């Protein structure tokens, strides 16, 4: 499926985990991914679906950061983006640095404390396969990252931050009620993700986070597979106007979401 990535769009995602070997086995069984380990890049893992790069992974090096799926937004100038992040009220976690000829990356905290990465492409241009979601339909999505969603207690401030720091030019508000406030990253088709006001339902001990939705052929069967492989169910499958969705966690406790078409 053909698509282009604009500055500020999700361009990559990778897993920070205490159990890289277990992760390669788990996600391989669940999504049919293969895994390539690059010793020259700190044993970084590239996950592939049908030979196309869909995600990355790295071992927890004891830095104290949370195990999680990290989302990276595209930038044509990572250093300039880092300056905008600071000016918009964010903070630097990992300063921008080159990864050989592959590109440049940095990791930041947004103004609500949620981690977000930046990737300036070199020879590694991001996802080689990505699902597309539109009008409740999931296409080209099986085993591929398909939607990226910020859950935040600081909804209005977050939208302002991402406009200023990452250049979101035309976010589109699809719901603005006390029960449901949601804005997509942009109004163009295909849409890539959004921002949800989660202040009313995030437990006090749970910080805001970026959720990555991976597309699957059948959500219910995939949820059962997660449990069989030692993972857990965070939110059981349910039909929504945006497809059939579920939230799960891998055996190390890293949560992610599953999405597909309604049965």
C-alpha atoms as a PDB file:
ATOM      1  CA  UNK A   1       0.000   0.000   0.000  1.00  0.00           C
ATOM      2  CA  UNK A   2       1.362   3.398  -0.988  1.00  0.00           C
ATOM      3  CA  UNK A   3       1.648   6.208   1.544  1.00  0.00           C
ATOM      4  CA  UNK A   4       3.911   9.116   2.360  1.00  0.00           C
ATOM      5  CA  UNK A   5       5.233  10.335   5.687  1.00  0.00           C
ATOM      6  CA  UNK A   6       5.069  14.043   6.486  1.00  0.00           C
ATOM      7  CA  UNK A   7       7.025  15.852   9.242  1.00  0.00           C
ATOM      8  CA  UNK A   8       5.286  15.173  12.554  1.00  0.00           C
ATOM      9  CA  UNK A   9       3.822  11.862  11.382  1.00  0.00           C
ATOM     10  CA  UNK A  10       4.602   8.606  13.196  1.00  0.00           C
ATOM     11  CA  UNK A  11       7.534   7.141  11.283  1.00  0.00           C
ATOM     12  CA  UNK A  12       8.793   4.315  13.535  1.00  0.00           C
ATOM     13  CA  UNK A  13       8.106   2.408  16.722  1.00  0.00           C
ATOM     14  CA  UNK A  14      10.374   0.257  18.842  1.00  0.00           C
ATOM     15  CA  UNK A  15      10.149  -1.886  21.928  1.00  0.00           C
ATOM     16  CA  UNK A  16      12.270  -1.197  25.004  1.00  0.00           C
ATOM     17  CA  UNK A  17      12.243  -4.480  26.933  1.00  0.00           C
ATOM     18  CA  UNK A  18      13.953  -6.410  29.698  1.00  0.00           C
ATOM     19  CA  UNK A  19      13.551  -9.618  27.691  1.00  0.00           C
ATOM     20  CA  UNK A  20      14.553  -9.175  24.042  1.00  0.00           C
ATOM     21  CA  UNK A  21      14.811 -12.920  23.402  1.00  0.00           C
ATOM     22  CA  UNK A  22      11.338 -13.468  24.830  1.00  0.00           C
ATOM     23  CA  UNK A  23      10.008 -10.527  22.821  1.00  0.00           C
ATOM     24  CA  UNK A  24      11.346 -11.943  19.565  1.00  0.00           C
ATOM     25  CA  UNK A  25       9.634 -15.243  20.301  1.00  0.00           C
ATOM     26  CA  UNK A  26       6.353 -13.685  21.478  1.00  0.00           C
ATOM     27  CA  UNK A  27       5.860 -11.188  18.653  1.00  0.00           C
ATOM     28  CA  UNK A  28       7.099 -13.707  16.124  1.00  0.00           C
ATOM     29  CA  UNK A  29       4.386 -16.142  17.153  1.00  0.00           C
ATOM     30  CA  UNK A  30       1.700 -13.470  17.457  1.00  0.00           C
ATOM     31  CA  UNK A  31       2.289 -11.448  14.290  1.00  0.00           C
ATOM     32  CA  UNK A  32       4.443 -13.734  12.156  1.00  0.00           C
ATOM     33  CA  UNK A  33       7.405 -11.385  12.483  1.00  0.00           C
ATOM     34  CA  UNK A  34      10.998 -12.330  11.835  1.00  0.00           C
ATOM     35  CA  UNK A  35      13.771 -10.605  13.779  1.00  0.00           C
ATOM     36  CA  UNK A  36      17.209  -9.402  12.737  1.00  0.00           C
ATOM     37  CA  UNK A  37      19.761  -8.455  15.406  1.00  0.00           C
ATOM     38  CA  UNK A  38      22.441  -5.902  14.484  1.00  0.00           C
ATOM     39  CA  UNK A  39      25.577  -6.238  16.670  1.00  0.00           C
ATOM     40  CA  UNK A  40      27.044  -3.159  14.975  1.00  0.00           C
ATOM     41  CA  UNK A  41      24.143  -1.098  16.350  1.00  0.00           C
ATOM     42  CA  UNK A  42      24.103  -2.334  19.940  1.00  0.00           C
ATOM     43  CA  UNK A  43      22.169  -5.517  19.137  1.00  0.00           C
ATOM     44  CA  UNK A  44      19.229  -3.466  17.911  1.00  0.00           C
ATOM     45  CA  UNK A  45      16.396  -5.669  16.658  1.00  0.00           C
ATOM     46  CA  UNK A  46      14.557  -5.038  13.406  1.00  0.00           C
ATOM     47  CA  UNK A  47      11.224  -6.835  13.213  1.00  0.00           C
ATOM     48  CA  UNK A  48       9.967  -7.683   9.731  1.00  0.00           C
ATOM     49  CA  UNK A  49       6.633  -8.811   8.363  1.00  0.00           C
ATOM     50  CA  UNK A  50       6.860 -10.509   4.965  1.00  0.00           C
ATOM     51  CA  UNK A  51      10.388  -9.161   4.701  1.00  0.00           C
ATOM     52  CA  UNK A  52       9.406  -5.525   5.333  1.00  0.00           C
ATOM     53  CA  UNK A  53      10.550  -3.571   8.394  1.00  0.00           C
ATOM     54  CA  UNK A  54       7.616  -2.829  10.707  1.00  0.00           C
ATOM     55  CA  UNK A  55       9.191  -2.165  14.134  1.00  0.00           C
ATOM     56  CA  UNK A  56      12.362  -2.263  16.186  1.00  0.00           C
ATOM     57  CA  UNK A  57      13.475  -3.395  19.608  1.00  0.00           C
ATOM     58  CA  UNK A  58      16.265  -2.972  22.109  1.00  0.00           C
ATOM     59  CA  UNK A  59      17.264  -4.397  25.462  1.00  0.00           C
ATOM     60  CA  UNK A  60      16.746  -2.455  28.667  1.00  0.00           C
ATOM     61  CA  UNK A  61      20.267  -1.357  29.546  1.00  0.00           C
ATOM     62  CA  UNK A  62      19.457  -0.646  33.175  1.00  0.00           C
ATOM     63  CA  UNK A  63      18.830   3.036  32.537  1.00  0.00           C
ATOM     64  CA  UNK A  64      15.648   2.943  34.585  1.00  0.00           C
ATOM     65  CA  UNK A  65      13.364   3.863  31.714  1.00  0.00           C
ATOM     66  CA  UNK A  66      10.023   2.054  31.506  1.00  0.00           C
ATOM     67  CA  UNK A  67       9.633  -0.979  29.271  1.00  0.00           C
ATOM     68  CA  UNK A  68       7.321   0.239  26.522  1.00  0.00           C
ATOM     69  CA  UNK A  69       6.586   0.675  22.860  1.00  0.00           C
ATOM     70  CA  UNK A  70       8.093   4.037  21.877  1.00  0.00           C
ATOM     71  CA  UNK A  71       6.637   6.115  19.050  1.00  0.00           C
ATOM     72  CA  UNK A  72       8.922   8.261  16.870  1.00  0.00           C
ATOM     73  CA  UNK A  73       7.679  11.253  14.886  1.00  0.00           C
ATOM     74  CA  UNK A  74       9.317  12.304  11.636  1.00  0.00           C
ATOM     75  CA  UNK A  75      11.532  15.351  11.379  1.00  0.00           C
ATOM     76  CA  UNK A  76      13.602  16.872   8.593  1.00  0.00           C
ATOM     77  CA  UNK A  77      15.923  18.452  11.211  1.00  0.00           C
ATOM     78  CA  UNK A  78      16.106  16.599  14.516  1.00  0.00           C
ATOM     79  CA  UNK A  79      18.245  19.253  16.244  1.00  0.00           C
ATOM     80  CA  UNK A  80      15.732  21.975  15.339  1.00  0.00           C
ATOM     81  CA  UNK A  81      12.898  19.787  16.591  1.00  0.00           C
ATOM     82  CA  UNK A  82      14.743  19.283  19.886  1.00  0.00           C
ATOM     83  CA  UNK A  83      14.943  23.056  20.323  1.00  0.00           C
ATOM     84  CA  UNK A  84      11.223  23.381  19.618  1.00  0.00           C
ATOM     85  CA  UNK A  85      10.448  20.630  22.153  1.00  0.00           C
ATOM     86  CA  UNK A  86      12.267  22.569  24.872  1.00  0.00           C
ATOM     87  CA  UNK A  87      10.667  25.859  23.864  1.00  0.00           C
ATOM     88  CA  UNK A  88       7.222  24.226  23.994  1.00  0.00           C
ATOM     89  CA  UNK A  89       7.743  22.971  27.547  1.00  0.00           C
ATOM     90  CA  UNK A  90       9.124  19.507  26.938  1.00  0.00           C
ATOM     91  CA  UNK A  91      12.408  18.024  28.134  1.00  0.00           C
ATOM     92  CA  UNK A  92      15.262  16.053  26.622  1.00  0.00           C
ATOM     93  CA  UNK A  93      15.671  12.422  27.730  1.00  0.00           C
ATOM     94  CA  UNK A  94      18.149  11.256  25.084  1.00  0.00           C
ATOM     95  CA  UNK A  95      19.852  14.068  23.122  1.00  0.00           C
ATOM     96  CA  UNK A  96      19.732  13.908  19.347  1.00  0.00           C
ATOM     97  CA  UNK A  97      22.488  11.679  17.978  1.00  0.00           C
ATOM     98  CA  UNK A  98      23.324  10.041  14.656  1.00  0.00           C
ATOM     99  CA  UNK A  99      22.971   6.309  14.060  1.00  0.00           C
ATOM    100  CA  UNK A 100      25.671   5.867  11.415  1.00  0.00           C
ATOM    101  CA  UNK A 101      24.143   6.577   8.013  1.00  0.00           C
ATOM    102  CA  UNK A 102      20.701   5.357   9.091  1.00  0.00           C
ATOM    103  CA  UNK A 103      19.490   8.690  10.476  1.00  0.00           C
ATOM    104  CA  UNK A 104      19.299  10.686  13.692  1.00  0.00           C
ATOM    105  CA  UNK A 105      17.143  10.101  16.743  1.00  0.00           C
ATOM    106  CA  UNK A 106      16.309  11.674  20.075  1.00  0.00           C
ATOM    107  CA  UNK A 107      13.895  10.929  22.907  1.00  0.00           C
ATOM    108  CA  UNK A 108      11.940  13.566  24.806  1.00  0.00           C
ATOM    109  CA  UNK A 109       9.229  14.046  27.374  1.00  0.00           C
ATOM    110  CA  UNK A 110       6.293  16.114  26.148  1.00  0.00           C
ATOM    111  CA  UNK A 111       4.809  18.853  28.323  1.00  0.00           C
ATOM    112  CA  UNK A 112       2.648  16.244  30.069  1.00  0.00           C
ATOM    113  CA  UNK A 113       5.612  13.970  30.805  1.00  0.00           C
ATOM    114  CA  UNK A 114       4.836  11.389  28.104  1.00  0.00           C
ATOM    115  CA  UNK A 115       7.822   9.967  26.224  1.00  0.00           C
ATOM    116  CA  UNK A 116       8.066  10.648  22.495  1.00  0.00           C
ATOM    117  CA  UNK A 117      10.881  10.074  20.025  1.00  0.00           C
ATOM    118  CA  UNK A 118      12.019  11.892  16.897  1.00  0.00           C
ATOM    119  CA  UNK A 119      13.564  10.310  13.810  1.00  0.00           C
ATOM    120  CA  UNK A 120      15.316  12.182  11.013  1.00  0.00           C
ATOM    121  CA  UNK A 121      15.639   9.663   8.188  1.00  0.00           C
ATOM    122  CA  UNK A 122      18.883   8.806   6.514  1.00  0.00           C
ATOM    123  CA  UNK A 123      19.083   5.492   4.715  1.00  0.00           C
ATOM    124  CA  UNK A 124      16.476   4.104   7.160  1.00  0.00           C
ATOM    125  CA  UNK A 125      13.291   5.867   6.121  1.00  0.00           C
ATOM    126  CA  UNK A 126      10.924   4.348   8.686  1.00  0.00           C
ATOM    127  CA  UNK A 127       8.125   1.855   8.240  1.00  0.00           C
ATOM    128  CA  UNK A 128       8.326  -0.290   5.131  1.00  0.00           C
ATOM    129  CA  UNK A 129       4.844  -1.577   5.837  1.00  0.00           C
ATOM    130  CA  UNK A 130       2.060   0.131   7.746  1.00  0.00           C
ATOM    131  CA  UNK A 131      -1.657  -0.418   8.029  1.00  0.00           C
ATOM    132  CA  UNK A 132      -4.181   2.243   7.094  1.00  0.00           C
ATOM    133  CA  UNK A 133      -7.319   3.023   9.094  1.00  0.00           C
ATOM    134  CA  UNK A 134     -10.217   5.011   7.703  1.00  0.00           C
ATOM    135  CA  UNK A 135     -13.997   5.056   8.182  1.00  0.00           C
ATOM    136  CA  UNK A 136     -13.727   2.174  10.634  1.00  0.00           C
ATOM    137  CA  UNK A 137     -11.936  -0.015   8.072  1.00  0.00           C
ATOM    138  CA  UNK A 138      -8.472  -1.482   8.559  1.00  0.00           C
ATOM    139  CA  UNK A 139      -6.522  -2.142   5.352  1.00  0.00           C
ATOM    140  CA  UNK A 140      -3.073  -3.521   4.582  1.00  0.00           C
ATOM    141  CA  UNK A 141      -2.763  -4.007   8.274  1.00  0.00           C
ATOM    142  CA  UNK A 142      -2.124  -7.626   9.287  1.00  0.00           C
ATOM    143  CA  UNK A 143       0.956  -7.734  11.496  1.00  0.00           C
ATOM    144  CA  UNK A 144       1.758  -4.064  10.894  1.00  0.00           C
ATOM    145  CA  UNK A 145       1.551  -0.948  13.078  1.00  0.00           C
ATOM    146  CA  UNK A 146      -1.592   0.877  12.000  1.00  0.00           C
ATOM    147  CA  UNK A 147      -2.598   3.583  14.505  1.00  0.00           C
ATOM    148  CA  UNK A 148      -0.760   5.690  17.097  1.00  0.00           C
ATOM    149  CA  UNK A 149      -2.669   7.255  19.973  1.00  0.00           C
ATOM    150  CA  UNK A 150      -1.611   9.591  22.753  1.00  0.00           C
ATOM    151  CA  UNK A 151      -3.494   9.111  26.016  1.00  0.00           C
ATOM    152  CA  UNK A 152      -2.999  12.219  28.121  1.00  0.00           C
ATOM    153  CA  UNK A 153      -4.376  14.053  31.123  1.00  0.00           C
ATOM    154  CA  UNK A 154      -3.262  17.331  29.538  1.00  0.00           C
ATOM    155  CA  UNK A 155      -5.320  17.238  26.362  1.00  0.00           C
ATOM    156  CA  UNK A 156      -5.426  20.910  25.395  1.00  0.00           C
ATOM    157  CA  UNK A 157      -1.813  21.489  26.422  1.00  0.00           C
ATOM    158  CA  UNK A 158      -0.705  18.374  24.520  1.00  0.00           C
ATOM    159  CA  UNK A 159      -2.310  19.549  21.287  1.00  0.00           C
ATOM    160  CA  UNK A 160      -0.574  22.905  21.657  1.00  0.00           C
ATOM    161  CA  UNK A 161       2.753  21.191  22.381  1.00  0.00           C
ATOM    162  CA  UNK A 162       2.681  18.902  19.335  1.00  0.00           C
ATOM    163  CA  UNK A 163       1.638  21.747  17.057  1.00  0.00           C
ATOM    164  CA  UNK A 164       4.575  23.846  18.266  1.00  0.00           C
ATOM    165  CA  UNK A 165       7.216  21.128  18.635  1.00  0.00           C
ATOM    166  CA  UNK A 166       6.407  18.794  15.751  1.00  0.00           C
ATOM    167  CA  UNK A 167       4.580  21.041  13.335  1.00  0.00           C
ATOM    168  CA  UNK A 168       1.145  19.469  13.374  1.00  0.00           C
ATOM    169  CA  UNK A 169      -0.595  21.907  11.046  1.00  0.00           C
ATOM    170  CA  UNK A 170      -4.136  20.666  10.646  1.00  0.00           C
ATOM    171  CA  UNK A 171      -5.224  18.404  13.523  1.00  0.00           C
ATOM    172  CA  UNK A 172      -8.877  17.447  13.148  1.00  0.00           C
ATOM    173  CA  UNK A 173     -11.194  17.297  16.182  1.00  0.00           C
ATOM    174  CA  UNK A 174     -13.618  14.410  15.779  1.00  0.00           C
ATOM    175  CA  UNK A 175     -15.233  14.602  19.236  1.00  0.00           C
ATOM    176  CA  UNK A 176     -15.517  17.391  21.788  1.00  0.00           C
ATOM    177  CA  UNK A 177     -17.893  16.304  24.540  1.00  0.00           C
ATOM    178  CA  UNK A 178     -17.330  15.908  28.291  1.00  0.00           C
ATOM    179  CA  UNK A 179     -17.356  12.131  27.800  1.00  0.00           C
ATOM    180  CA  UNK A 180     -15.098  11.925  24.739  1.00  0.00           C
ATOM    181  CA  UNK A 181     -12.525  14.404  23.453  1.00  0.00           C
ATOM    182  CA  UNK A 182     -10.415  13.240  20.533  1.00  0.00           C
ATOM    183  CA  UNK A 183      -8.323  14.942  17.860  1.00  0.00           C
ATOM    184  CA  UNK A 184      -6.534  13.212  14.998  1.00  0.00           C
ATOM    185  CA  UNK A 185      -2.922  14.035  14.148  1.00  0.00           C
ATOM    186  CA  UNK A 186      -4.061  15.613  10.889  1.00  0.00           C
ATOM    187  CA  UNK A 187      -7.134  15.764   8.691  1.00  0.00           C
ATOM    188  CA  UNK A 188      -5.544  14.170   5.637  1.00  0.00           C
ATOM    189  CA  UNK A 189      -6.384  10.667   4.487  1.00  0.00           C
ATOM    190  CA  UNK A 190      -5.088   8.256   5.530  1.00  0.00           C
ATOM    191  CA  UNK A 191      -5.114   9.388   9.123  1.00  0.00           C
ATOM    192  CA  UNK A 192      -2.370   7.942  11.326  1.00  0.00           C
ATOM    193  CA  UNK A 193      -3.437   8.442  14.920  1.00  0.00           C
ATOM    194  CA  UNK A 194      -4.771  10.855  17.447  1.00  0.00           C
ATOM    195  CA  UNK A 195      -4.834  12.386  20.895  1.00  0.00           C
ATOM    196  CA  UNK A 196      -7.380  11.282  23.496  1.00  0.00           C
ATOM    197  CA  UNK A 197      -8.344  13.144  26.641  1.00  0.00           C
ATOM    198  CA  UNK A 198      -7.834  10.316  29.140  1.00  0.00           C
ATOM    199  CA  UNK A 199      -8.059  12.389  32.321  1.00  0.00           C
ATOM    200  CA  UNK A 200     -11.381  10.837  33.360  1.00  0.00           C
ATOM    201  CA  UNK A 201     -10.306   7.201  33.194  1.00  0.00           C
ATOM    202  CA  UNK A 202      -6.521   6.923  33.613  1.00  0.00           C
ATOM    203  CA  UNK A 203      -5.891   5.444  37.085  1.00  0.00           C
ATOM    204  CA  UNK A 204      -3.873   7.770  39.336  1.00  0.00           C
ATOM    205  CA  UNK A 205      -0.826   5.501  39.244  1.00  0.00           C
ATOM    206  CA  UNK A 206      -0.844   5.185  35.434  1.00  0.00           C
ATOM    207  CA  UNK A 207       0.969   7.950  33.542  1.00  0.00           C
ATOM    208  CA  UNK A 208      -0.046   9.111  30.100  1.00  0.00           C
ATOM    209  CA  UNK A 209       1.373   7.099  27.216  1.00  0.00           C
ATOM    210  CA  UNK A 210       1.451   6.577  23.471  1.00  0.00           C
ATOM    211  CA  UNK A 211      -0.469   3.449  22.434  1.00  0.00           C
ATOM    212  CA  UNK A 212       0.539   1.541  19.310  1.00  0.00           C
ATOM    213  CA  UNK A 213      -2.208  -0.408  17.529  1.00  0.00           C
ATOM    214  CA  UNK A 214      -1.097  -3.401  15.484  1.00  0.00           C
ATOM    215  CA  UNK A 215      -3.490  -4.690  12.856  1.00  0.00           C
ATOM    216  CA  UNK A 216      -4.646  -8.291  12.944  1.00  0.00           C
ATOM    217  CA  UNK A 217      -6.920 -10.443  10.815  1.00  0.00           C
ATOM    218  CA  UNK A 218      -9.226 -11.345  13.705  1.00  0.00           C
ATOM    219  CA  UNK A 219      -8.979  -9.449  16.996  1.00  0.00           C
ATOM    220  CA  UNK A 220     -10.621 -12.077  19.213  1.00  0.00           C
ATOM    221  CA  UNK A 221      -8.366 -14.861  17.971  1.00  0.00           C
ATOM    222  CA  UNK A 222      -5.298 -12.672  18.453  1.00  0.00           C
ATOM    223  CA  UNK A 223      -6.316 -11.829  22.012  1.00  0.00           C
ATOM    224  CA  UNK A 224      -6.613 -15.539  22.772  1.00  0.00           C
ATOM    225  CA  UNK A 225      -3.183 -16.055  21.223  1.00  0.00           C
ATOM    226  CA  UNK A 226      -1.694 -13.340  23.456  1.00  0.00           C
ATOM    227  CA  UNK A 227      -2.948 -15.227  26.526  1.00  0.00           C
ATOM    228  CA  UNK A 228      -1.670 -18.567  25.203  1.00  0.00           C
ATOM    229  CA  UNK A 229       1.781 -17.035  24.720  1.00  0.00           C
ATOM    230  CA  UNK A 230       1.954 -15.761  28.306  1.00  0.00           C
ATOM    231  CA  UNK A 231       0.639 -12.240  27.803  1.00  0.00           C
ATOM    232  CA  UNK A 232      -2.430 -10.695  29.397  1.00  0.00           C
ATOM    233  CA  UNK A 233      -5.624  -8.915  28.415  1.00  0.00           C
ATOM    234  CA  UNK A 234      -5.896  -5.280  29.522  1.00  0.00           C
ATOM    235  CA  UNK A 235      -9.170  -4.472  27.741  1.00  0.00           C
ATOM    236  CA  UNK A 236     -11.151  -7.232  26.025  1.00  0.00           C
ATOM    237  CA  UNK A 237     -12.241  -6.916  22.395  1.00  0.00           C
ATOM    238  CA  UNK A 238     -15.092  -4.561  21.609  1.00  0.00           C
ATOM    239  CA  UNK A 239     -16.696  -3.173  18.496  1.00  0.00           C
ATOM    240  CA  UNK A 240     -16.313   0.586  18.097  1.00  0.00           C
ATOM    241  CA  UNK A 241     -17.034   3.056  15.281  1.00  0.00           C
ATOM    242  CA  UNK A 242     -13.309   2.669  14.494  1.00  0.00           C
ATOM    243  CA  UNK A 243     -13.224  -1.106  14.148  1.00  0.00           C
ATOM    244  CA  UNK A 244     -12.854  -3.924  16.653  1.00  0.00           C
ATOM    245  CA  UNK A 245     -10.246  -3.027  19.270  1.00  0.00           C
ATOM    246  CA  UNK A 246      -8.524  -4.597  22.279  1.00  0.00           C
ATOM    247  CA  UNK A 247      -5.661  -3.726  24.620  1.00  0.00           C
ATOM    248  CA  UNK A 248      -3.196  -6.398  25.742  1.00  0.00           C
ATOM    249  CA  UNK A 249       0.253  -6.787  27.295  1.00  0.00           C
ATOM    250  CA  UNK A 250       3.176  -9.001  26.372  1.00  0.00           C
ATOM    251  CA  UNK A 251       4.729 -11.423  28.908  1.00  0.00           C
ATOM    252  CA  UNK A 252       6.997  -8.628  30.214  1.00  0.00           C
ATOM    253  CA  UNK A 253       3.977  -6.434  30.897  1.00  0.00           C
ATOM    254  CA  UNK A 254       4.440  -4.045  27.955  1.00  0.00           C
ATOM    255  CA  UNK A 255       1.035  -2.999  26.753  1.00  0.00           C
ATOM    256  CA  UNK A 256      -0.046  -2.504  23.160  1.00  0.00           C
ATOM    257  CA  UNK A 257      -3.316  -2.583  21.267  1.00  0.00           C
ATOM    258  CA  UNK A 258      -4.855  -4.686  18.535  1.00  0.00           C
ATOM    259  CA  UNK A 259      -7.194  -3.485  15.830  1.00  0.00           C
ATOM    260  CA  UNK A 260      -9.085  -4.973  12.923  1.00  0.00           C
ATOM    261  CA  UNK A 261     -12.342  -4.983  11.095  1.00  0.00           C
ATOM    262  CA  UNK A 262     -15.568  -5.851  12.858  1.00  0.00           C
ATOM    263  CA  UNK A 263     -16.610  -9.466  12.523  1.00  0.00           C
END
